[in-house]
Protein backbone atom coordinates (compact mmCIF):
# COMPACT_ATOMS: atom_id res chain seq x y z
CA UNK A 1 159.30 -23.82 -104.58
CA UNK A 2 156.51 -24.63 -106.78
CA UNK A 3 155.30 -27.83 -108.56
CA UNK A 4 158.52 -28.10 -110.89
CA UNK A 5 160.46 -29.14 -108.27
CA UNK A 6 159.49 -33.17 -108.00
CA UNK A 7 159.62 -35.66 -111.22
CA UNK A 8 156.13 -36.79 -111.77
CA UNK A 9 156.00 -38.40 -115.44
CA UNK A 10 157.10 -42.15 -115.58
CA UNK A 11 159.73 -41.63 -118.56
CA UNK A 12 161.38 -39.27 -116.31
CA UNK A 13 161.84 -41.71 -113.99
CA UNK A 14 162.81 -44.24 -116.10
CA UNK A 15 165.07 -41.90 -117.58
CA UNK A 16 167.03 -41.57 -114.36
CA UNK A 17 167.24 -45.18 -113.42
CA UNK A 18 168.44 -46.00 -116.99
CA UNK A 19 171.25 -43.09 -117.26
CA UNK A 20 171.94 -42.18 -114.17
CA UNK A 21 174.24 -43.18 -111.76
CA UNK A 22 173.44 -44.17 -107.71
CA UNK A 23 174.93 -44.15 -104.10
CA UNK A 24 173.35 -46.10 -101.32
CA UNK A 25 173.22 -46.07 -97.52
CA UNK A 26 170.83 -47.94 -95.04
CA UNK A 27 167.89 -45.76 -95.41
CA UNK A 28 167.60 -44.20 -98.52
CA UNK A 29 169.15 -44.55 -102.29
CA UNK A 30 170.02 -41.52 -104.31
CA UNK A 31 170.06 -41.58 -108.54
CA UNK A 32 171.28 -39.02 -110.09
CA UNK A 33 171.15 -37.59 -113.44
CA UNK A 34 172.90 -34.25 -115.08
CA UNK A 35 171.16 -31.99 -117.03
CA UNK A 36 172.19 -29.24 -118.41
CA UNK A 37 168.93 -28.01 -120.08
CA UNK A 38 167.27 -27.52 -116.16
CA UNK A 39 168.56 -24.42 -114.30
CA UNK A 40 167.88 -26.39 -111.09
CA UNK A 41 166.98 -29.00 -109.28
CA UNK A 42 164.26 -31.60 -109.60
CA UNK A 43 163.24 -34.34 -107.18
CA UNK A 44 161.57 -37.91 -107.64
CA UNK A 45 160.48 -39.78 -104.66
CA UNK A 46 159.37 -43.38 -104.69
CA UNK A 47 158.24 -44.75 -101.67
CA UNK A 48 157.58 -48.71 -101.81
CA UNK A 49 155.18 -50.82 -100.60
CA UNK A 50 157.86 -52.76 -98.38
CA UNK A 51 158.17 -49.64 -96.12
CA UNK A 52 154.32 -50.67 -94.75
CA UNK A 53 151.08 -49.44 -95.32
CA UNK A 54 149.93 -46.21 -96.30
CA UNK A 55 150.04 -44.00 -93.36
CA UNK A 56 153.83 -45.14 -92.69
CA UNK A 57 154.32 -44.73 -96.53
CA UNK A 58 152.96 -41.30 -96.63
CA UNK A 59 154.76 -39.93 -93.51
CA UNK A 60 158.18 -41.14 -95.26
CA UNK A 61 157.11 -39.52 -98.62
CA UNK A 62 156.13 -36.41 -96.57
CA UNK A 63 159.52 -36.22 -94.62
CA UNK A 64 161.35 -36.66 -97.65
CA UNK A 65 159.32 -34.05 -99.44
CA UNK A 66 160.16 -31.01 -97.01
CA UNK A 67 163.72 -32.46 -96.53
CA UNK A 68 164.22 -32.00 -100.60
CA UNK A 69 162.25 -28.54 -100.47
CA UNK A 70 164.87 -27.02 -97.41
CA UNK A 71 167.83 -28.56 -99.25
CA UNK A 72 166.68 -27.72 -102.60
CA UNK A 73 168.29 -24.34 -102.84
CA UNK A 74 172.02 -25.37 -101.42
CA UNK A 75 172.17 -27.98 -104.10
CA UNK A 76 174.26 -27.33 -107.55
CA UNK A 77 171.55 -26.78 -110.54
CA UNK A 78 171.30 -28.78 -113.18
CA UNK A 79 170.28 -32.18 -111.68
CA UNK A 80 167.52 -34.53 -111.51
CA UNK A 81 167.62 -36.80 -108.56
CA UNK A 82 165.29 -39.81 -107.67
CA UNK A 83 165.29 -40.78 -103.86
CA UNK A 84 164.43 -44.18 -103.11
CA UNK A 85 163.44 -45.14 -99.47
CA UNK A 86 164.95 -48.65 -98.24
CA UNK A 87 162.54 -50.27 -95.61
CA UNK A 88 164.81 -49.01 -92.85
CA UNK A 89 163.46 -45.79 -93.72
CA UNK A 90 160.02 -46.33 -91.77
CA UNK A 91 161.43 -46.15 -88.48
CA UNK A 92 163.97 -43.13 -89.12
CA UNK A 93 163.15 -39.99 -87.80
CA UNK A 94 163.56 -36.37 -89.77
CA UNK A 95 166.89 -35.66 -88.53
CA UNK A 96 168.14 -39.51 -89.56
CA UNK A 97 166.56 -39.02 -93.12
CA UNK A 98 167.72 -35.30 -93.22
CA UNK A 99 171.17 -36.30 -92.65
CA UNK A 100 170.99 -39.45 -94.87
CA UNK A 101 170.15 -37.75 -97.39
CA UNK A 102 173.14 -34.98 -97.30
CA UNK A 103 175.36 -37.75 -96.92
CA UNK A 104 174.14 -38.89 -100.53
CA UNK A 105 174.37 -35.94 -101.81
CA UNK A 106 177.69 -34.91 -100.34
CA UNK A 107 179.24 -38.09 -101.87
CA UNK A 108 177.95 -37.10 -105.24
CA UNK A 109 179.25 -33.58 -105.18
CA UNK A 110 175.79 -31.40 -105.46
CA UNK A 111 175.87 -29.49 -102.19
CA UNK A 112 176.69 -25.80 -103.23
CA UNK A 113 176.96 -24.52 -99.76
CA UNK A 114 178.55 -27.79 -97.85
CA UNK A 115 178.69 -26.94 -94.44
CA UNK A 116 176.31 -24.19 -94.57
CA UNK A 117 172.83 -26.22 -93.34
CA UNK A 118 172.68 -28.32 -90.77
């Protein structure tokens, strides 16, 4: 999975925030935008300063990036997703964040193979 897996440009993030729908839990907020011109799924990550200093933010970002890479193949194609980490995510471990994101994806009906990956 190459660089096309992630959203990079500010206008892409703004488009998802303005036109997409959101679901949230204690650790994450997930914004979803349907893109009919996309043949895959692209992720955007937002980890703000409320999570702590750079070391903590980067740890959360690395964990979320790996979770996205692993979940990517099991998602329905044609979506842009932006994941916003809440302050509680700084204290969460990898498995807690993965379960949180999986739950939010299921709420949006984006998992193609529900139950096959845990």
